Protein backbone atom coordinates (compact mmCIF):
# COMPACT_ATOMS: atom_id res chain seq x y z
CA MET A 1 0.07 -0.10 -0.11
CA ASP A 2 1.21 3.55 -0.47
CA ASP A 3 1.62 5.96 2.12
CA GLN A 4 -1.66 7.65 1.77
CA THR A 5 -3.66 4.76 2.45
CA ASN A 6 -1.13 3.26 5.06
CA PRO A 7 0.34 6.45 6.49
CA ALA A 8 3.87 5.77 8.57
CA PRO A 9 3.03 6.12 12.35
CA PRO A 10 4.49 9.15 13.99
CA THR A 11 7.73 8.78 15.53
CA TRP A 12 9.69 10.28 18.54
CA GLU A 13 11.57 12.28 16.29
CA ASP A 14 8.49 14.11 15.02
CA ARG A 15 7.46 15.73 18.20
CA VAL A 16 8.24 19.03 19.72
CA VAL A 17 11.03 18.71 21.57
CA PRO A 18 9.91 19.03 25.36
CA SER A 19 11.57 20.91 28.46
CA ILE A 20 13.15 20.08 31.64
CA VAL A 21 12.95 23.29 33.56
CA VAL A 22 15.19 24.36 36.58
CA VAL A 23 14.02 27.17 38.32
CA ALA A 24 16.49 28.86 40.72
CA SER A 25 17.37 32.07 41.96
CA GLU A 26 20.61 30.79 43.62
CA PHE A 27 23.22 30.98 40.44
CA SER A 28 25.02 28.05 42.04
CA SER A 29 22.52 25.68 42.98
CA ARG A 30 20.96 26.30 39.30
CA ASP A 31 24.02 25.96 37.43
CA GLU A 32 24.73 22.41 39.02
CA LEU A 33 21.38 20.89 38.69
CA THR A 34 21.21 21.96 34.62
CA ALA A 35 24.53 21.09 33.80
CA ALA A 36 23.87 17.57 35.62
CA ILE A 37 20.84 17.05 33.54
CA GLU A 38 22.01 18.46 30.27
CA ARG A 39 25.00 16.09 30.60
CA ARG A 40 22.30 12.78 30.85
CA PHE A 41 19.02 14.00 29.19
CA GLY A 42 20.01 16.75 26.77
CA ALA A 43 20.08 14.85 23.49
CA ASP A 44 16.06 14.40 23.79
CA TYR A 45 15.22 17.10 25.88
CA SER A 46 16.11 21.00 26.22
CA VAL A 47 17.31 21.98 29.37
CA VAL A 48 16.44 25.36 30.41
CA SER A 49 17.90 27.42 33.45
CA LEU A 50 15.52 30.32 34.76
CA ASP A 51 15.73 32.49 37.35
CA GLY A 52 12.36 32.85 39.14
CA SER A 53 8.48 32.51 38.56
CA GLY A 54 8.15 35.39 36.26
CA VAL A 55 10.70 33.78 33.64
CA LEU A 56 9.21 30.65 34.02
CA ARG A 57 5.39 32.21 33.35
CA GLU A 58 6.92 33.48 29.94
CA GLN A 59 8.79 29.79 29.06
CA LEU A 60 4.94 28.27 30.04
CA ASP A 61 3.76 30.71 27.38
CA ALA A 62 5.85 29.08 24.84
CA SER A 63 4.95 26.28 22.49
CA ARG A 64 7.43 23.90 24.02
CA PRO A 65 5.75 21.59 26.48
CA ILE A 66 7.00 21.56 29.62
CA ALA A 67 8.31 17.78 30.77
CA ILE A 68 9.66 18.41 34.21
CA ALA A 69 10.10 21.37 36.39
CA LEU A 70 12.62 21.23 39.38
CA ALA A 71 12.85 24.20 42.41
CA PRO A 72 14.74 24.30 45.16
CA ILE A 73 12.54 25.06 48.20
CA SER A 74 13.30 26.41 51.65
CA GLY A 75 10.42 26.73 54.26
CA ALA A 76 6.87 26.35 52.39
CA ASP A 77 7.72 27.89 49.63
CA PHE A 78 6.18 25.83 46.69
CA SER A 79 5.34 28.85 44.32
CA ALA A 80 7.23 27.98 41.24
CA LEU A 81 6.09 24.28 41.21
CA ASN A 82 2.58 25.47 41.95
CA LEU A 83 2.52 27.77 39.00
CA VAL A 84 3.87 24.97 37.05
CA GLY A 85 0.90 23.06 38.06
CA VAL A 86 -1.81 25.77 37.35
CA LEU A 87 -0.19 26.56 34.10
CA GLU A 88 0.95 23.05 32.69
CA PRO A 89 -0.70 20.65 34.88
CA GLY A 90 0.59 17.49 32.99
CA ALA A 91 4.45 18.63 33.85
CA ARG A 92 6.10 16.36 36.62
CA ARG A 93 7.39 18.75 39.40
CA ILE A 94 10.04 17.93 41.70
CA ALA A 95 11.38 19.69 45.02
CA VAL A 96 15.09 20.29 45.53
CA VAL A 97 15.55 19.97 49.07
CA GLY A 98 18.82 20.45 51.04
CA VAL A 99 20.25 17.35 52.54
CA GLY A 100 19.57 17.34 56.33
CA ASP A 101 17.32 20.39 56.10
CA THR A 102 14.27 19.35 58.40
CA SER A 103 12.66 22.42 58.63
CA VAL A 104 10.89 21.44 55.00
CA ALA A 105 9.53 18.02 56.02
CA GLN A 106 6.32 19.16 57.22
CA ALA A 107 5.55 21.35 54.22
CA LEU A 108 6.94 18.72 51.68
CA SER A 109 4.68 15.85 53.20
CA GLN A 110 1.70 18.16 53.04
CA ALA A 111 2.80 19.07 49.43
CA LEU A 112 3.09 15.57 48.57
CA THR A 113 -0.17 14.80 50.04
CA LEU A 114 -1.81 17.51 48.15
CA GLY A 115 -0.48 16.61 44.55
CA GLN A 116 1.57 20.10 44.62
CA VAL A 117 4.71 18.12 44.39
CA ASP A 118 5.29 14.50 42.52
CA TYR A 119 8.58 13.91 43.63
CA TYR A 120 11.86 15.10 45.53
CA VAL A 121 15.46 14.92 45.07
CA GLY A 122 18.36 15.84 48.01
CA GLN A 123 21.13 18.33 47.18
CA PRO A 124 24.10 18.61 47.14
CA TRP A 125 25.31 14.91 46.40
CA ALA A 126 28.90 13.14 45.59
CA SER A 127 27.07 12.02 42.16
CA PRO A 128 24.06 12.59 40.53
CA GLU A 129 23.87 9.21 40.27
CA GLU A 130 22.59 8.76 43.99
CA GLU A 131 19.32 10.84 43.84
CA LEU A 132 18.83 12.97 40.39
CA TYR A 133 19.16 10.59 37.73
CA PRO A 134 16.70 8.02 39.67
CA VAL A 135 14.20 10.03 40.50
CA LEU A 136 14.26 12.04 37.04
CA SER A 137 14.07 9.04 35.02
CA GLU A 138 10.93 7.67 36.84
CA ALA A 139 9.40 11.12 36.51
CA LEU A 140 10.20 11.46 32.62
CA ARG A 141 8.86 7.96 32.15
CA VAL A 142 5.46 8.60 33.70
CA TRP A 143 5.30 11.96 31.62
CA VAL A 144 6.29 10.42 28.39
CA ASP A 145 3.53 7.49 29.24
CA GLU A 146 0.54 9.90 29.86
CA GLN A 147 1.63 12.91 27.58
CA GLN A 148 3.83 11.58 24.61
CA LEU A 149 3.37 9.73 21.39
CA ARG A 150 2.90 5.65 22.12
CA PHE A 151 3.05 3.26 19.39
CA GLU A 152 -0.66 2.45 18.55
CA LYS A 153 -0.64 -1.40 18.29
CA VAL A 154 -4.69 -1.61 17.40
CA THR A 155 -7.17 0.83 15.96
CA ILE A 156 -10.59 -0.17 16.21
CA VAL A 157 -13.41 1.71 13.70
CA ALA A 158 -16.74 1.42 15.20
CA GLU A 159 -20.36 2.78 15.03
CA PRO A 160 -20.69 5.73 17.47
CA GLU A 161 -23.94 4.83 19.04
CA ARG A 162 -22.80 0.80 19.44
CA SER A 163 -21.01 -0.21 22.74
CA ARG A 164 -19.04 -2.82 20.95
CA GLY A 165 -16.31 -1.19 20.37
CA VAL A 166 -15.79 0.58 23.42
CA GLY A 167 -15.95 -2.49 25.18
CA LEU A 168 -13.17 -4.00 22.58
CA ALA A 169 -10.74 -0.71 23.39
CA THR A 170 -11.84 -0.70 27.22
CA LEU A 171 -10.52 -4.18 27.34
CA LEU A 172 -7.55 -3.46 25.53
CA THR A 173 -6.31 -0.32 27.33
CA ARG A 174 -6.92 -1.96 30.81
CA ASN A 175 -4.16 -4.73 29.55
CA GLY A 176 -1.85 -2.02 28.65
CA VAL A 177 -2.09 -2.18 24.88
CA THR A 178 -2.34 1.28 23.20
CA THR A 179 -5.48 1.46 21.09
CA ARG A 180 -7.21 4.10 19.26
CA LEU A 181 -11.13 4.12 18.78
CA LEU A 182 -12.61 5.96 15.98
CA GLY A 183 -16.31 6.74 14.85
CA CYS A 184 -16.92 5.08 11.59
CA ASP A 185 -18.11 8.68 10.76
CA SER A 186 -15.15 10.37 11.86
CA PRO A 187 -12.37 11.72 9.24
CA GLU A 188 -9.86 9.15 9.87
CA GLY A 189 -12.49 6.21 10.14
CA ILE A 190 -13.78 7.01 6.78
CA ASP A 191 -10.34 7.12 5.47
CA LEU A 192 -9.93 3.63 6.69
CA LEU A 193 -13.19 1.96 6.03
CA THR A 194 -12.42 3.32 2.22
CA GLY A 195 -8.90 1.94 2.53
CA PRO A 196 -7.06 -0.59 4.27
CA LEU A 197 -10.61 -1.81 6.38
CA GLU A 198 -12.51 -1.61 3.51
CA GLY A 199 -15.46 -4.33 3.62
CA VAL A 200 -14.42 -5.37 7.27
CA ALA A 201 -17.51 -5.79 9.26
CA LEU A 202 -17.88 -3.17 12.22
CA PRO A 203 -16.42 -3.14 14.68
CA ALA A 204 -13.27 -3.04 12.20
CA VAL A 205 -9.80 -3.64 13.98
CA ARG A 206 -6.42 -2.92 12.32
CA LEU A 207 -3.35 -4.36 14.07
CA TRP A 208 -0.04 -2.68 14.26
CA ASP A 209 1.27 -5.49 11.67
CA GLY A 210 -1.18 -4.79 9.09
CA ARG A 211 -3.55 -7.55 9.66
CA THR A 212 -7.32 -6.96 10.06
CA LEU A 213 -10.16 -8.37 12.06
CA ALA A 214 -14.06 -7.90 11.45
CA ALA A 215 -16.56 -7.53 14.52
CA PRO A 216 -14.15 -9.82 16.60
CA THR A 217 -15.07 -11.02 19.81
CA GLU A 218 -12.76 -10.41 22.92
CA ALA A 219 -11.17 -13.97 22.88
CA ALA A 220 -10.33 -13.33 19.27
CA LEU A 221 -8.99 -9.96 19.71
CA ALA A 222 -6.51 -11.20 22.32
CA GLU A 223 -5.85 -14.42 20.90
CA ALA A 224 -4.34 -12.28 17.62
CA LEU A 225 -2.44 -10.27 20.27
CA GLY A 226 -0.76 -13.45 21.20
CA ALA A 227 -2.51 -13.99 24.69
CA HIS A 228 -3.71 -17.36 26.18
CA THR A 229 -7.38 -17.78 25.89
CA SER A 230 -7.21 -21.79 26.94
CA PRO A 231 -5.07 -23.49 29.32
CA THR A 232 -2.41 -25.56 27.75
CA ALA A 233 -1.53 -28.22 30.42
CA ALA A 234 -3.34 -31.45 30.80
CA GLU A 235 -3.29 -30.47 34.77
CA TYR A 236 -1.88 -27.81 36.95
CA ASP A 237 -0.90 -27.76 40.61
CA VAL A 238 -2.53 -24.86 41.47
CA ALA A 239 -5.70 -23.06 39.53
CA ILE A 240 -6.00 -19.40 40.48
CA VAL A 241 -9.64 -17.63 39.67
CA GLY A 242 -9.13 -13.77 39.37
CA ALA A 243 -6.03 -11.75 37.84
CA GLY A 244 -6.07 -8.87 40.65
CA PRO A 245 -3.46 -8.30 43.23
CA ALA A 246 -4.54 -11.39 45.55
CA GLY A 247 -4.47 -13.67 42.29
CA LEU A 248 -1.38 -12.44 40.47
CA ALA A 249 0.72 -12.49 44.11
CA ALA A 250 -0.59 -15.92 44.38
CA ALA A 251 0.74 -16.88 41.03
CA ILE A 252 4.38 -15.25 41.32
CA TYR A 253 4.84 -17.39 44.57
CA ALA A 254 3.19 -20.36 43.15
CA SER A 255 4.89 -20.21 40.33
CA SER A 256 8.74 -19.32 42.54
CA GLU A 257 7.97 -22.57 44.22
CA GLY A 258 7.70 -24.74 41.17
CA LEU A 259 4.26 -25.36 41.08
CA ALA A 260 2.60 -25.71 37.60
CA THR A 261 0.25 -22.51 37.94
CA VAL A 262 -2.83 -21.18 35.88
CA THR A 263 -4.66 -17.85 36.13
CA VAL A 264 -7.90 -17.50 34.66
CA GLU A 265 -8.95 -13.81 34.22
CA ALA A 266 -12.32 -12.91 32.71
CA SER A 267 -11.10 -9.04 31.68
CA ALA A 268 -8.05 -7.11 32.54
CA VAL A 269 -4.70 -8.11 34.43
CA GLY A 270 -4.67 -6.36 37.97
CA GLY A 271 -8.35 -6.31 38.59
CA GLN A 272 -10.09 -3.09 39.99
CA ALA A 273 -6.50 -2.13 41.43
CA GLY A 274 -5.48 -1.97 37.93
CA THR A 275 -7.86 1.18 37.43
CA SER A 276 -6.38 3.08 39.94
CA ALA A 277 -5.03 6.21 38.97
CA HIS A 278 -2.33 6.75 41.93
CA ILE A 279 -1.68 4.17 44.83
CA ARG A 280 0.22 6.13 47.30
CA ASN A 281 0.20 3.40 50.46
CA TYR A 282 1.38 0.88 48.53
CA LEU A 283 4.98 -0.37 50.30
CA GLY A 284 8.28 0.41 48.54
CA PHE A 285 6.72 3.14 46.20
CA PRO A 286 7.45 6.31 48.16
CA TRP A 287 5.69 8.40 45.09
CA GLY A 288 3.06 6.36 44.65
CA VAL A 289 2.24 3.67 41.81
CA ARG A 290 -0.04 3.59 39.11
CA GLY A 291 -2.59 0.84 39.11
CA ALA A 292 -1.75 -0.25 35.97
CA ASP A 293 1.99 -0.50 36.16
CA LEU A 294 1.71 -2.36 39.30
CA ALA A 295 -0.64 -4.46 37.46
CA HIS A 296 1.63 -4.69 34.28
CA SER A 297 4.68 -5.55 36.29
CA ALA A 298 3.16 -8.30 38.35
CA GLY A 299 1.70 -10.17 35.30
CA ARG A 300 4.70 -10.22 33.61
CA GLN A 301 6.46 -11.47 36.69
CA SER A 302 4.32 -14.50 37.03
CA GLU A 303 4.68 -15.16 33.43
CA GLN A 304 8.51 -14.79 33.33
CA LEU A 305 8.24 -17.05 36.62
CA GLY A 306 6.69 -19.94 34.57
CA GLY A 307 2.70 -19.21 35.48
CA GLU A 308 0.52 -18.86 32.95
CA ILE A 309 -2.53 -16.52 32.42
CA VAL A 310 -5.77 -17.34 30.32
CA VAL A 311 -7.60 -14.40 29.53
CA THR A 312 -11.10 -13.36 28.22
CA ARG A 313 -12.60 -16.55 30.23
CA THR A 314 -14.40 -16.68 33.47
CA ALA A 315 -14.81 -19.58 35.52
CA VAL A 316 -18.41 -21.39 35.61
CA THR A 317 -18.36 -24.32 37.84
CA LEU A 318 -16.10 -25.82 40.32
CA ALA A 319 -16.40 -29.51 41.53
CA ALA A 320 -14.16 -31.54 43.68
CA ASP A 321 -13.26 -35.16 41.96
CA GLY A 322 -10.99 -37.05 44.29
CA GLY A 323 -7.52 -35.08 44.76
CA ARG A 324 -8.26 -32.77 42.29
CA HIS A 325 -10.40 -29.84 41.40
CA VAL A 326 -12.39 -29.38 38.20
CA LEU A 327 -12.57 -25.88 36.98
CA THR A 328 -14.95 -25.32 33.82
CA LEU A 329 -14.15 -22.04 31.61
CA SER A 330 -16.85 -19.98 29.74
CA SER A 331 -14.94 -21.61 26.93
CA GLY A 332 -15.60 -24.94 27.60
CA ASP A 333 -12.05 -25.71 28.58
CA VAL A 334 -11.83 -28.20 31.73
CA VAL A 335 -8.70 -27.02 33.98
CA LEU A 336 -7.88 -29.73 36.34
CA ALA A 337 -5.81 -28.52 39.64
CA ARG A 338 -4.77 -30.12 42.62
CA SER A 339 -5.62 -26.81 44.46
CA VAL A 340 -7.47 -23.73 43.63
CA ILE A 341 -7.38 -19.85 44.78
CA LEU A 342 -10.33 -17.93 44.55
CA ALA A 343 -9.31 -14.18 44.14
CA GLY A 344 -12.02 -13.09 41.54
CA GLY A 345 -12.29 -9.90 43.75
CA VAL A 346 -15.31 -7.67 43.45
CA SER A 347 -17.47 -5.81 40.82
CA TYR A 348 -19.51 -2.79 41.44
CA GLN A 349 -23.05 -2.77 42.13
CA ARG A 350 -25.53 -1.24 39.36
CA SER A 351 -27.52 2.03 40.37
CA GLY A 352 -30.48 0.36 39.78
CA ILE A 353 -31.79 3.25 38.16
CA GLY A 354 -32.98 2.87 34.55
CA THR A 355 -32.17 5.54 33.13
CA VAL A 356 -28.38 5.71 34.48
CA ASP A 357 -27.69 2.50 33.24
CA ALA A 358 -29.27 2.87 29.95
CA LEU A 359 -26.35 5.60 29.47
CA VAL A 360 -23.31 3.01 30.62
CA GLY A 361 -20.62 3.87 27.62
CA HIS A 362 -22.29 6.87 26.65
CA GLY A 363 -21.26 9.23 29.91
CA VAL A 364 -21.76 6.59 32.89
CA PHE A 365 -19.13 4.68 33.95
CA TYR A 366 -18.60 1.79 36.35
CA GLY A 367 -15.49 1.90 38.30
CA ALA A 368 -12.58 3.96 37.10
CA ALA A 369 -11.61 4.36 33.68
CA ALA A 370 -7.79 5.22 33.00
CA GLY A 371 -8.23 5.39 29.31
CA GLU A 372 -11.31 8.39 29.58
CA ALA A 373 -9.27 10.80 31.84
CA ALA A 374 -7.50 12.59 29.22
CA ALA A 375 -10.96 13.17 27.44
CA MET A 376 -12.76 14.72 30.36
CA ALA A 377 -10.40 17.62 30.60
CA GLY A 378 -12.59 20.99 30.62
CA LEU A 379 -15.92 18.99 31.57
CA ASN A 380 -18.15 18.74 34.40
CA VAL A 381 -17.45 15.20 36.24
CA ALA A 382 -19.47 13.61 38.68
CA ILE A 383 -18.47 10.66 40.92
CA MET A 384 -20.70 8.48 43.24
CA GLY A 385 -19.02 6.69 46.15
CA GLY A 386 -17.09 7.91 49.19
CA GLY A 387 -14.33 4.92 49.30
CA ASN A 388 -10.83 5.22 48.15
CA SER A 389 -11.44 3.88 44.60
CA ALA A 390 -13.92 6.81 44.01
CA GLY A 391 -11.42 8.95 45.59
CA GLN A 392 -8.26 8.18 43.63
CA ALA A 393 -10.52 8.72 40.31
CA ALA A 394 -11.40 11.74 41.51
CA ALA A 395 -7.74 13.12 41.66
CA HIS A 396 -6.77 11.66 38.62
CA LEU A 397 -9.97 13.23 36.80
CA ALA A 398 -9.09 16.65 38.26
CA SER A 399 -5.64 16.53 37.65
CA ALA A 400 -6.48 15.84 34.02
CA GLY A 401 -8.43 19.09 34.13
CA ALA A 402 -12.11 18.00 34.74
CA HIS A 403 -14.24 19.86 37.36
CA VAL A 404 -14.98 17.35 39.77
CA THR A 405 -18.28 16.71 41.76
CA MET A 406 -18.37 13.97 44.43
CA LEU A 407 -21.57 12.63 45.44
CA ILE A 408 -21.83 11.06 49.03
CA ARG A 409 -25.08 9.39 50.53
CA GLY A 410 -23.12 9.90 53.78
CA ASP A 411 -22.34 12.94 55.60
CA SER A 412 -18.56 12.48 55.31
CA ILE A 413 -15.98 10.74 53.61
CA ASN A 414 -13.57 10.67 56.08
CA LYS A 415 -15.10 7.08 57.69
CA SER A 416 -14.35 5.54 54.29
CA MET A 417 -11.52 6.91 52.75
CA SER A 418 -7.81 6.90 53.38
CA ASP A 419 -6.69 10.13 54.79
CA TYR A 420 -3.86 10.89 52.55
CA LEU A 421 -6.82 10.81 49.89
CA VAL A 422 -9.08 12.84 52.13
CA GLN A 423 -6.44 15.82 52.47
CA GLN A 424 -5.65 15.88 48.49
CA LEU A 425 -9.15 16.12 47.44
CA GLU A 426 -9.86 18.62 50.21
CA GLY A 427 -6.85 20.64 48.80
CA THR A 428 -7.61 20.14 44.95
CA PRO A 429 -9.98 23.46 43.59
CA ASN A 430 -11.46 21.63 40.97
CA VAL A 431 -12.92 18.80 43.28
CA SER A 432 -16.17 19.58 45.23
CA ILE A 433 -17.89 16.91 47.90
CA ARG A 434 -21.55 16.91 48.02
CA THR A 435 -22.76 15.31 51.00
CA ARG A 436 -26.21 13.62 52.02
CA VAL A 437 -27.21 13.70 48.26
CA GLN A 438 -28.36 10.66 45.79
CA VAL A 439 -28.88 10.38 42.42
CA VAL A 440 -32.59 9.87 41.42
CA ASP A 441 -32.63 10.55 37.49
CA ALA A 442 -30.35 10.61 34.62
CA LEU A 443 -30.63 13.05 31.39
CA GLY A 444 -29.85 12.87 27.90
CA GLU A 445 -30.54 11.34 24.77
CA GLY A 446 -28.26 8.98 23.98
CA GLN A 447 -25.37 10.85 25.98
CA LEU A 448 -25.38 11.75 29.39
CA THR A 449 -25.86 15.59 30.11
CA GLY A 450 -27.11 16.06 33.72
CA LEU A 451 -28.18 14.13 36.90
CA VAL A 452 -30.99 14.93 39.03
CA LEU A 453 -30.06 14.81 42.75
CA ALA A 454 -31.94 14.41 45.95
CA ASP A 455 -31.81 15.15 49.42
CA PRO A 456 -32.91 13.89 52.80
CA THR A 457 -35.97 16.08 52.63
CA GLY A 458 -36.70 14.95 49.13
CA ALA A 459 -36.06 18.29 47.54
CA ARG A 460 -34.71 17.77 44.28
CA GLY A 461 -31.96 19.52 42.17
CA LEU A 462 -29.98 19.47 38.41
CA LEU A 463 -26.23 18.85 38.41
CA GLU A 464 -25.18 19.34 34.76
CA THR A 465 -22.57 16.60 34.05
CA SER A 466 -21.03 15.04 30.87
CA ALA A 467 -19.46 12.04 32.52
CA PHE A 468 -21.05 10.04 35.82
CA PHE A 469 -18.41 7.64 37.68
CA ILE A 470 -20.04 5.02 39.95
CA PHE A 471 -18.22 3.34 42.57
CA ILE A 472 -21.19 2.66 45.04
CA GLY A 473 -20.41 -0.43 46.84
CA ALA A 474 -19.07 -3.92 45.47
CA ARG A 475 -20.36 -7.54 45.04
CA PRO A 476 -18.45 -10.38 45.10
CA SER A 477 -18.11 -12.49 41.84
CA THR A 478 -19.34 -15.85 43.35
CA ASP A 479 -22.71 -16.61 41.90
CA TRP A 480 -21.00 -19.45 39.98
CA LEU A 481 -19.73 -20.52 43.78
CA ARG A 482 -23.23 -21.11 45.47
CA ASP A 483 -24.02 -24.49 46.57
CA VAL A 484 -20.13 -25.25 46.26
CA VAL A 485 -18.52 -23.48 49.17
CA ASP A 486 -19.86 -21.56 51.89
CA LEU A 487 -20.52 -17.82 51.07
CA ASP A 488 -22.00 -15.10 54.07
CA ASP A 489 -25.17 -13.45 53.21
CA HIS A 490 -23.27 -10.82 50.85
CA GLY A 491 -22.14 -13.70 48.92
CA PHE A 492 -18.22 -13.13 50.24
CA VAL A 493 -16.35 -16.73 50.57
CA LEU A 494 -16.06 -17.58 54.06
CA THR A 495 -12.83 -19.51 55.26
CA GLY A 496 -11.01 -20.72 58.29
CA ARG A 497 -14.23 -22.77 59.51
CA ASP A 498 -14.47 -26.01 61.22
CA GLY A 499 -10.46 -26.42 61.63
CA ALA A 500 -9.24 -25.30 57.89
CA THR A 501 -6.30 -22.99 57.97
CA TRP A 502 -7.56 -19.44 57.72
CA LEU A 503 -7.68 -18.72 54.07
CA GLU A 504 -8.83 -22.28 52.86
CA THR A 505 -12.84 -22.50 52.46
CA SER A 506 -15.03 -25.26 53.05
CA MET A 507 -13.86 -27.21 50.22
CA ALA A 508 -10.54 -28.81 51.08
CA GLY A 509 -7.91 -27.70 49.03
CA VAL A 510 -9.63 -24.59 47.87
CA PHE A 511 -8.67 -21.29 48.90
CA ALA A 512 -9.80 -17.52 48.96
CA ALA A 513 -7.73 -14.40 49.17
CA GLY A 514 -8.34 -10.73 48.41
CA ASP A 515 -11.65 -8.63 48.36
CA ILE A 516 -13.63 -11.95 47.08
CA ARG A 517 -13.19 -13.27 50.89
CA ALA A 518 -15.62 -12.36 53.94
CA GLY A 519 -13.72 -10.13 56.27
CA SER A 520 -10.85 -9.00 54.10
CA ILE A 521 -9.23 -5.54 54.43
CA LYS A 522 -10.06 -4.03 51.04
CA ARG A 523 -6.56 -2.99 50.35
CA VAL A 524 -4.11 -3.53 47.50
CA ALA A 525 -1.09 -4.61 50.29
CA ALA A 526 -3.69 -6.88 52.30
CA ALA A 527 -4.78 -8.90 49.23
CA VAL A 528 -1.22 -9.03 48.08
CA GLY A 529 -0.50 -10.73 51.68
CA GLU A 530 -3.47 -12.86 51.34
CA GLY A 531 -2.65 -14.07 47.73
CA SER A 532 0.80 -15.02 48.82
CA THR A 533 -0.33 -16.61 51.76
CA ALA A 534 -2.74 -18.61 50.15
CA SER A 535 -0.32 -20.21 47.63
CA MET A 536 2.35 -21.39 50.48
CA MET A 537 -1.04 -23.00 52.31
CA ALA A 538 -1.71 -24.27 48.63
CA ARG A 539 1.61 -25.43 48.57
CA GLU A 540 1.37 -27.20 51.66
CA HIS A 541 -2.14 -28.84 51.11
CA LEU A 542 -0.09 -30.43 47.98
CA LEU A 543 2.59 -31.60 50.16
CA MET A 544 0.15 -33.35 52.70
CA SER A 545 -1.96 -34.96 50.02
CA THR A 546 0.87 -36.38 47.88
């Protein structure tokens, strides 16, 4: 094909060269920072040295984007970095702190909590390899991932009023596959449908290597991208249902012990945690970690240790067969395993409001949707829910430039949300929190335009909004386990009863970990701990039953 019908994708060299800006009034400090950054990053970035916020404003008004801004701080003066946040929200901000200067500790901690600073480094150093380069590299990695060109592996052209294309794009995005979704009536969509995708049924899919798929199922699309959608072995030592933090931790530890391990995941590796924009309270990540990054790394780690991950499949039945367990998948495949770990997590409850659910995919979203954040800049966005997932979504959408209104049925978010998130949201000017309200209706023909809210007195009011993210509670994915293992009244799996080990269910050799388990702590670190512990308990079970 010629370049007109098969244009070359944009390259790194095609972009406008971004800047790394050092703002400092003291010449010696500014000169040392600038020289060190120039040596390492000068080939790919324009390194700019500025004296004061006034010059910084002129720099930010220029067309060249700013990737990183560094500024030495003393006391609680974050004015230069605050200005960057106002004028260029996508830039990463790094505070440079004098080594041993404890006077800034409290102000720095507050700035990190409120999202006014993304990272900090100490100065002076014997070598910039000590502090400066590692932090700069991490900041640039995140900035490039969010703000710059990425190699698009999949292009989907779909009918705008249909959800199939949105579903395929969401599946790929949540699994770390860079995807572009086009409407069939858009100029780019029309060009593709009259060119390389001519005659291909919608949603039409074009892969990076030129292959095309006509209205593929999720499984067919996953297979085309090289993923496993069926188990490959006749029998496994451990079968894990769910690839959230608990399931991935179980897979990593079981595989590292030499156990033949398969993990079955219905949608996205990472589970609900994979949708979190910023997890700040997970061990070992001083700057926080994006849920998608954590999920991607854990999934890759599991596979490198020999674990197998089967995607786009759900478990539909579980039965004991002597010393083995028989797990049937939605595809009809049967997994034979000597032990099973249930780590299917939870799914968000539906609102029960017909007009709201009718607009799912057309302005209404259940749970976080990282792929939508960039499109929300400048829009009014509503979030229902008062837990950590809702708070993280609000912070992420606000950082992308949306005007966020959180809708809380109770009288406070303090009871259900981590303190660091409460502080961050209360200090974010484009986030407002409305308590003691509930949504009773949604407005819009084919696209959300507003929500009708009611207070405890029954008085109603209109909230104009273009998007509505719902986090109103979660239910475990355990309907298929009824009459198989003991569940509580809400459907969570009961463990540790009648002499069983504390993560073992009522069926011998079947364990539960993470949010699916009754009494679990709904935090990523707790899920990881339970998953790794469950894998060790499964190993002990296998040794005892040999």
